[in-house]
Protein backbone atom coordinates (compact mmCIF):
# COMPACT_ATOMS: atom_id res chain seq x y z
CA MET A 1 65.62 -98.71 -56.98
CA ARG A 2 65.17 -98.19 -61.38
CA SER A 3 67.02 -95.03 -61.55
CA ASP A 4 70.34 -97.40 -59.59
CA THR A 5 69.64 -99.87 -62.15
CA ILE A 6 69.90 -97.54 -65.22
CA ASN A 7 73.03 -96.32 -64.14
CA ARG A 8 74.83 -99.26 -63.17
CA ARG A 9 73.61 -99.65 -66.98
CA LYS A 10 75.47 -96.64 -68.05
CA ASN A 11 78.72 -97.26 -66.20
CA MET A 12 78.92 -101.45 -67.27
CA LEU A 13 82.20 -101.80 -68.38
CA PRO A 14 82.51 -103.09 -72.77
CA VAL A 15 83.17 -106.75 -72.83
CA ARG A 16 86.87 -107.68 -73.78
CA ILE A 17 87.60 -108.73 -77.19
CA PRO A 18 88.74 -112.64 -76.51
CA GLN A 19 92.67 -113.34 -77.17
CA ILE A 20 91.38 -116.43 -78.60
CA SER A 21 88.00 -115.68 -80.94
CA PRO A 22 85.89 -118.38 -81.76
CA ILE A 23 87.54 -119.14 -84.90
CA GLY A 24 90.74 -119.62 -83.87
CA LEU A 25 88.65 -121.86 -81.53
CA ILE A 26 86.90 -124.30 -84.59
CA SER A 27 90.56 -124.26 -86.58
CA LEU A 28 91.52 -125.99 -82.98
CA LEU A 29 88.77 -128.29 -83.11
CA TYR A 30 89.67 -128.83 -86.63
CA ALA A 31 93.39 -129.68 -86.34
CA LEU A 32 91.64 -132.02 -83.25
CA SER A 33 89.29 -134.01 -86.56
CA LEU A 34 92.19 -134.62 -88.49
CA TYR A 35 93.85 -136.41 -85.81
CA ILE A 36 90.66 -138.60 -85.39
CA PHE A 37 90.76 -138.85 -89.18
CA TYR A 38 95.21 -139.59 -88.81
CA ARG A 39 94.21 -142.10 -86.38
CA GLN A 40 91.42 -144.24 -88.10
CA GLY A 41 93.69 -144.57 -91.15
CA PHE A 42 91.89 -142.23 -93.04
CA ILE A 43 94.40 -139.93 -93.68
CA SER A 44 98.51 -139.59 -93.45
CA GLY A 45 100.67 -138.53 -90.77
CA LEU A 46 102.61 -135.46 -93.71
CA THR A 47 98.76 -134.32 -94.11
CA PHE A 48 97.89 -134.31 -90.31
CA SER A 49 100.69 -132.60 -89.03
CA GLY A 50 101.27 -130.18 -91.47
CA ALA A 51 97.85 -128.79 -91.12
CA ALA A 52 98.17 -129.27 -87.38
CA VAL A 53 101.18 -126.95 -87.26
CA ALA A 54 99.61 -124.75 -89.61
CA VAL A 55 96.19 -124.48 -87.42
CA VAL A 56 98.92 -123.69 -84.45
CA VAL A 57 100.58 -121.21 -86.00
CA VAL A 58 98.16 -119.55 -87.04
CA VAL A 59 96.15 -119.28 -83.62
CA ALA A 60 99.00 -117.88 -81.84
CA LEU A 61 100.00 -115.61 -84.22
CA PHE A 62 96.47 -114.20 -83.99
CA HIS A 63 97.01 -114.63 -80.59
CA GLY A 64 99.97 -112.68 -80.68
CA ILE A 65 98.64 -109.57 -82.17
CA ILE A 66 95.12 -109.14 -80.07
CA ARG A 67 97.28 -109.96 -76.84
CA PHE A 68 99.63 -107.33 -77.58
CA GLY A 69 96.70 -104.72 -78.75
CA LEU A 70 98.15 -104.46 -82.46
CA ASN A 71 94.78 -105.60 -83.87
CA GLN A 72 93.94 -101.87 -82.31
CA ARG A 73 94.92 -100.23 -85.61
CA PHE A 74 92.56 -102.05 -87.40
CA HIS A 75 89.43 -100.98 -88.03
CA GLU A 76 87.67 -104.43 -86.94
CA PRO A 77 89.97 -105.35 -83.90
CA SER A 78 88.42 -108.88 -83.80
CA LEU A 79 90.34 -109.00 -87.34
CA MET A 80 87.13 -111.98 -88.09
CA LEU A 81 87.65 -111.71 -92.32
CA PRO A 82 91.47 -112.58 -91.91
CA GLN A 83 90.62 -115.14 -89.06
CA LEU A 84 88.06 -116.69 -91.02
CA MET A 85 89.95 -116.35 -94.87
CA THR A 86 92.95 -118.23 -92.97
CA SER A 87 91.03 -121.12 -90.82
CA LEU A 88 88.85 -121.80 -94.65
CA LEU A 89 92.02 -121.67 -96.87
CA ILE A 90 93.50 -124.36 -94.31
CA MET A 91 90.24 -126.71 -94.66
CA LEU A 92 90.39 -126.41 -98.27
CA GLY A 93 93.88 -127.00 -98.50
CA VAL A 94 93.67 -130.04 -96.62
CA ALA A 95 90.37 -130.87 -98.37
CA TYR A 96 91.85 -131.06 -101.61
CA LEU A 97 95.07 -133.32 -100.33
CA GLU A 98 92.69 -135.65 -98.64
CA ARG A 99 89.46 -136.29 -99.63
CA SER A 100 88.16 -138.22 -96.55
CA THR A 101 88.29 -134.86 -94.81
CA GLN A 102 85.42 -133.19 -96.65
CA VAL A 103 82.99 -135.03 -94.64
CA ALA A 104 84.50 -132.49 -91.51
CA LEU A 105 84.80 -129.85 -94.35
CA VAL A 106 81.23 -128.48 -94.93
CA PRO A 107 80.44 -128.52 -90.87
CA PHE A 108 83.01 -126.96 -89.85
CA VAL A 109 82.99 -124.14 -92.53
CA LEU A 110 79.24 -123.57 -91.54
CA ILE A 111 80.11 -123.46 -88.23
CA ALA A 112 83.11 -120.44 -89.06
CA PHE A 113 80.64 -119.25 -90.93
CA SER A 114 78.15 -118.93 -88.42
CA PHE A 115 80.15 -117.18 -85.83
CA SER A 116 81.53 -113.85 -88.00
CA ILE A 117 77.89 -113.30 -89.00
CA PHE A 118 77.38 -110.66 -86.48
CA ARG A 119 80.92 -109.55 -86.70
CA LEU A 120 81.16 -109.06 -90.83
CA SER A 121 79.17 -107.01 -92.97
CA THR A 122 76.46 -108.47 -95.97
CA ALA A 123 78.58 -108.02 -98.28
CA SER A 124 81.46 -109.63 -97.28
CA LEU A 125 80.15 -112.17 -96.22
CA ILE A 126 78.63 -112.78 -99.80
CA LEU A 127 81.47 -112.30 -101.59
CA LEU A 128 83.88 -114.95 -98.89
CA SER A 129 80.80 -117.50 -99.52
CA ILE A 130 81.11 -117.46 -102.94
CA GLY A 131 84.60 -117.57 -103.47
CA CYS A 132 84.60 -120.63 -100.75
CA MET A 133 82.04 -122.38 -102.80
CA ALA A 134 84.23 -121.80 -106.16
CA ALA A 135 87.55 -123.24 -104.45
CA TYR A 136 86.05 -126.25 -103.18
CA LEU A 137 84.13 -126.80 -106.93
CA GLY A 138 87.67 -126.09 -108.20
CA ILE A 139 89.02 -129.05 -105.59
CA ILE A 140 86.30 -131.09 -106.94
CA LEU A 141 86.96 -130.64 -110.13
CA VAL A 142 90.72 -130.62 -110.46
CA ARG A 143 90.82 -134.12 -108.24
CA ALA A 144 87.56 -135.33 -111.29
CA GLN A 145 89.80 -134.60 -114.35
CA ALA A 146 92.83 -136.55 -112.43
CA GLU A 147 91.15 -139.05 -111.07
CA GLY A 148 88.25 -139.30 -113.48
CA TYR A 149 84.67 -138.36 -112.98
CA HIS A 150 83.16 -141.91 -110.97
CA PHE A 151 81.23 -142.39 -107.93
CA GLY A 152 83.71 -140.46 -106.27
CA PHE A 153 83.02 -137.38 -108.40
CA ARG A 154 79.14 -137.80 -107.48
CA ALA A 155 79.54 -137.91 -104.08
CA ASP A 156 81.90 -134.97 -103.92
CA MET A 157 79.17 -132.41 -106.20
CA ALA A 158 76.26 -133.59 -103.62
CA GLN A 159 78.51 -132.00 -100.63
CA TRP A 160 79.18 -129.23 -103.23
CA PHE A 161 75.56 -128.63 -103.45
CA VAL A 162 74.42 -129.55 -99.71
CA LEU A 163 76.83 -126.67 -99.01
CA ALA A 164 76.09 -124.26 -101.71
CA LEU A 165 72.45 -124.57 -100.39
CA THR A 166 73.07 -124.49 -96.79
CA LEU A 167 75.37 -121.80 -96.57
CA PRO A 168 73.27 -119.24 -98.00
CA GLY A 169 70.42 -119.59 -95.93
CA MET A 170 72.53 -119.51 -93.14
CA ILE A 171 74.07 -116.29 -93.89
CA ILE A 172 70.10 -115.10 -94.41
CA VAL A 173 68.70 -116.37 -91.23
CA GLY A 174 72.28 -114.98 -89.31
CA LYS A 175 71.52 -111.58 -90.33
CA GLN A 176 67.93 -111.64 -89.74
CA ILE A 177 69.13 -112.32 -86.52
CA GLN A 178 71.27 -109.99 -86.29
CA ASN A 179 68.70 -107.07 -87.13
CA MET A 180 66.23 -108.60 -84.27
CA ARG A 181 69.18 -108.38 -82.36
CA GLN A 182 69.93 -104.55 -82.95
CA LEU A 183 66.12 -103.25 -82.86
CA LEU A 184 66.05 -105.48 -79.26
CA ARG A 185 69.25 -103.17 -78.81
CA ALA A 186 67.69 -99.94 -79.65
CA THR A 187 64.29 -101.15 -78.25
CA ARG A 188 66.14 -101.35 -74.66
CA TYR A 189 67.86 -97.85 -75.04
CA GLN A 190 64.26 -96.21 -75.80
CA LEU A 191 62.97 -97.91 -72.74
CA GLU A 192 66.00 -97.08 -70.62
CA HIS A 193 65.23 -93.31 -72.07
CA TYR A 194 61.82 -93.76 -71.54
CA GLU A 195 62.01 -95.13 -67.71
CA GLU A 196 64.34 -92.75 -67.01
CA LYS A 197 62.02 -89.73 -68.06
CA SER A 198 59.26 -91.48 -65.74
CA VAL A 199 60.89 -90.41 -62.84
CA ARG A 200 62.59 -87.66 -63.67
CA ASP A 201 61.04 -83.97 -63.39
CA GLU A 202 60.73 -82.23 -66.90
CA LEU A 203 61.53 -78.59 -66.19
CA THR A 204 64.03 -79.25 -63.84
CA GLY A 205 65.47 -83.07 -64.40
CA LEU A 206 65.02 -83.74 -60.44
CA TYR A 207 63.03 -86.66 -59.37
CA ASN A 208 59.50 -86.25 -59.47
CA ARG A 209 57.23 -86.71 -56.67
CA ARG A 210 56.36 -90.51 -57.79
CA GLN A 211 59.91 -91.36 -57.51
CA LEU A 212 60.40 -89.44 -54.27
CA GLN A 213 57.66 -91.23 -52.89
CA SER A 214 59.20 -95.04 -54.24
CA GLU A 215 62.56 -93.12 -52.42
CA LEU A 216 61.02 -92.49 -49.13
CA GLU A 217 59.77 -96.07 -48.96
CA GLN A 218 63.17 -97.55 -49.74
CA ALA A 219 64.51 -95.63 -46.90
CA LYS A 220 61.78 -96.02 -44.34
CA LEU A 221 62.53 -100.06 -45.05
CA GLN A 222 66.13 -99.60 -43.85
CA ALA A 223 65.77 -97.52 -41.60
CA ASP A 224 62.69 -99.89 -40.25
CA SER A 225 65.57 -103.13 -40.89
CA CYS A 226 68.83 -101.99 -40.26
CA ASP A 227 68.21 -98.94 -37.63
CA ILE A 228 69.40 -96.37 -40.17
CA PRO A 229 68.06 -92.78 -39.14
CA PHE A 230 67.05 -90.50 -42.21
CA THR A 231 65.71 -87.00 -42.32
CA ILE A 232 63.60 -84.89 -44.59
CA CYS A 233 63.42 -81.88 -45.70
CA LEU A 234 60.33 -79.57 -47.43
CA ILE A 235 62.25 -76.57 -49.01
CA ASP A 236 59.82 -73.89 -50.89
CA ILE A 237 60.42 -70.91 -52.39
CA ASP A 238 59.64 -67.76 -50.54
CA ARG A 239 56.98 -66.02 -52.31
CA PHE A 240 56.97 -67.64 -55.56
CA LYS A 241 53.45 -67.14 -56.14
CA GLU A 242 54.05 -63.33 -56.44
CA ILE A 243 57.34 -63.89 -58.48
CA ASN A 244 55.57 -65.69 -61.43
CA ASP A 245 52.31 -63.21 -61.07
CA ASN A 246 54.72 -60.41 -61.65
CA ASN A 247 57.18 -61.37 -64.10
CA GLY A 248 55.76 -64.59 -65.03
CA HIS A 249 56.30 -68.19 -66.49
CA LEU A 250 59.11 -68.00 -67.97
CA VAL A 251 61.54 -66.14 -65.21
CA GLY A 252 60.05 -68.56 -62.14
CA ASP A 253 60.84 -71.49 -64.46
CA THR A 254 64.26 -69.79 -64.78
CA ILE A 255 64.18 -69.52 -60.94
CA LEU A 256 63.40 -73.27 -60.23
CA LYS A 257 65.53 -74.66 -62.68
CA GLU A 258 68.60 -72.69 -61.38
CA PHE A 259 68.16 -73.58 -57.82
CA ALA A 260 67.30 -77.05 -59.09
CA ARG A 261 70.86 -77.08 -60.26
CA VAL A 262 72.43 -75.61 -57.00
CA ALA A 263 70.84 -77.96 -55.22
CA ARG A 264 72.00 -80.82 -57.00
CA ASP A 265 75.41 -79.62 -56.81
CA SER A 266 75.65 -79.29 -53.23
CA ILE A 267 73.75 -82.49 -51.76
CA ARG A 268 75.64 -85.72 -51.02
CA ASP A 269 75.99 -88.82 -53.28
CA THR A 270 73.68 -90.90 -51.18
CA ASP A 271 71.20 -87.81 -51.27
CA VAL A 272 68.00 -87.74 -52.89
CA LEU A 273 66.15 -84.60 -54.38
CA GLY A 274 63.17 -83.78 -55.98
CA ARG A 275 60.72 -81.50 -56.69
CA TYR A 276 57.58 -82.52 -54.61
CA GLY A 277 55.41 -79.94 -56.17
CA GLY A 278 55.13 -76.25 -58.01
CA ASP A 279 58.15 -74.56 -55.86
CA GLU A 280 58.44 -76.96 -53.53
CA PHE A 281 61.07 -79.18 -53.64
CA MET A 282 61.91 -82.27 -51.07
CA GLN A 283 65.29 -83.80 -50.03
CA ILE A 284 65.81 -86.98 -48.47
CA LEU A 285 68.95 -87.65 -45.98
CA PRO A 286 70.34 -91.01 -45.26
CA ASP A 287 71.78 -91.47 -42.18
CA THR A 288 71.06 -88.40 -41.22
CA ASP A 289 69.55 -87.52 -37.76
CA VAL A 290 67.77 -83.90 -37.09
CA LYS A 291 71.07 -81.64 -36.71
CA GLY A 292 73.00 -83.28 -39.13
CA ALA A 293 69.85 -82.13 -41.46
CA VAL A 294 69.82 -78.40 -39.99
CA MET A 295 73.21 -78.04 -41.02
CA HIS A 296 72.52 -79.27 -44.41
CA ALA A 297 69.78 -76.92 -44.73
CA GLU A 298 71.03 -73.81 -43.70
CA ARG A 299 73.92 -74.08 -46.13
CA LEU A 300 71.39 -74.72 -49.18
CA ARG A 301 69.47 -71.25 -47.94
CA VAL A 302 72.54 -69.50 -48.01
CA TYR A 303 73.69 -71.01 -51.54
CA ALA A 304 69.89 -70.01 -52.80
CA HIS A 305 70.39 -66.81 -51.06
CA PHE A 306 73.36 -65.97 -53.49
CA LEU A 307 72.07 -66.64 -56.28
CA ASP A 308 71.97 -63.83 -58.91
CA PHE A 309 68.59 -63.04 -60.54
CA GLN A 310 69.29 -59.54 -60.76
CA LYS A 311 68.47 -59.05 -64.91
CA ILE A 312 64.60 -60.99 -64.46
CA LEU A 313 63.99 -59.92 -60.40
CA ALA A 314 63.80 -56.48 -58.92
CA GLN A 315 64.46 -57.84 -55.78
CA LYS A 316 67.78 -59.40 -57.30
CA HIS A 317 67.67 -63.06 -55.08
CA ILE A 318 65.25 -65.30 -53.58
CA SER A 319 65.53 -67.21 -50.36
CA LEU A 320 63.88 -70.40 -48.59
CA SER A 321 62.04 -71.53 -46.22
CA ILE A 322 62.91 -75.46 -44.89
CA GLY A 323 61.11 -77.68 -42.75
CA VAL A 324 63.50 -80.82 -40.96
CA ALA A 325 61.81 -83.57 -39.99
CA GLN A 326 63.49 -86.88 -38.64
CA TYR A 327 61.92 -90.32 -39.60
CA ARG A 328 60.67 -92.10 -36.38
CA HIS A 329 61.04 -95.56 -35.98
CA GLY A 330 57.47 -97.39 -37.50
CA GLU A 331 56.42 -94.15 -38.11
CA LYS A 332 53.63 -94.00 -41.55
CA ILE A 333 55.41 -91.47 -44.53
CA THR A 334 52.22 -89.61 -44.62
CA ASP A 335 53.13 -88.78 -40.73
CA LEU A 336 57.05 -87.87 -41.37
CA ILE A 337 55.84 -85.56 -44.34
CA SER A 338 53.54 -83.82 -41.88
CA ARG A 339 55.58 -83.35 -39.28
CA ALA A 340 57.89 -81.96 -41.93
CA ASP A 341 55.39 -79.65 -43.19
CA SER A 342 54.42 -78.04 -39.96
CA ALA A 343 58.07 -77.27 -39.55
CA LEU A 344 57.97 -75.53 -43.04
CA TYR A 345 54.74 -73.41 -42.08
CA GLN A 346 56.59 -72.81 -38.96
CA ALA A 347 59.15 -71.25 -40.88
CA LYS A 348 56.80 -69.04 -43.14
CA GLN A 349 55.24 -68.07 -40.22
CA LEU A 350 58.73 -67.02 -38.12
CA GLY A 351 59.55 -64.41 -41.19
CA ARG A 352 60.20 -66.98 -43.68
CA ASN A 353 63.97 -67.43 -45.06
CA ARG A 354 64.85 -69.86 -42.38
CA VAL A 355 65.01 -73.35 -41.15
CA GLU A 356 62.93 -74.74 -38.72
CA TRP A 357 62.61 -78.79 -37.31
CA ILE A 358 60.23 -80.75 -35.29
CA ASN A 359 61.76 -82.29 -32.71
CA ASP A 360 61.62 -85.91 -31.57
């Protein structure tokens, strides 16, 4: 049912922040790539060992902070900015020590930024990307001064330009995706809001007639397939038209809303209550026979009688006439409602303020 779906969405538990973040995972993968460089003889064992130890220590540090909940003290609990900065510093440091690792620097920097786009502000990303590009350019220029401006320098600058062109573009695209996600989230919220309103009566907040019809079909299906009985109660506020004519529609609306509140508070979680039309309400009681439904209807009738309307009504109280009918296996919903309506008519004919039912 639509209302149950909406409630399940609202009651979903928030997703916990993973203890090993995507940035930590990227750092570990970067360390694994350095191992491949080391095994192929492109970097020294000292560089690989130092970088690997730094990555493991940093990942373990952030893992511990998140594991013990210390990250909750910060404005951004995922600690994305310090994690990204630390990861970039390690990558840039290795690139300074070993030129051959620059081929891995560009893709890993882009991947690291891609995971940060949805967590960091645009200003933070721009400043961080400028700092990263400036540090990378500084590494290239310092190395060029020591080694000369030969082919290696031109290759380094080509890599730098590739990163300088792709990083801002990726941030722009990422932010557009983030804006789309926010728009979709807002649209989904609005759809859920309108979906909830479409099944509710605007005045009382109870289910409307259309939703009651849907709930009846569901109850019928369950009764026919699982042999689970259900009973309905048609509830009518006695002489409500006279109340409206003598006191005005605002008074009538107040009575309807107050009765709806009491009726809603008196039902079980499994019961369904709705406004069937005008001053008539319907209650669907699953897994309940006529005897149980009559007991519940009598209780509701007493609750309604003790509502105090002395400030707006001359008679101070209202009364209910209620018709009860239990579903018969295989019968049409219209026939069930007709039997309940007949019982309600009988209650009115016998003097109102009473509960009547149709025997099976």
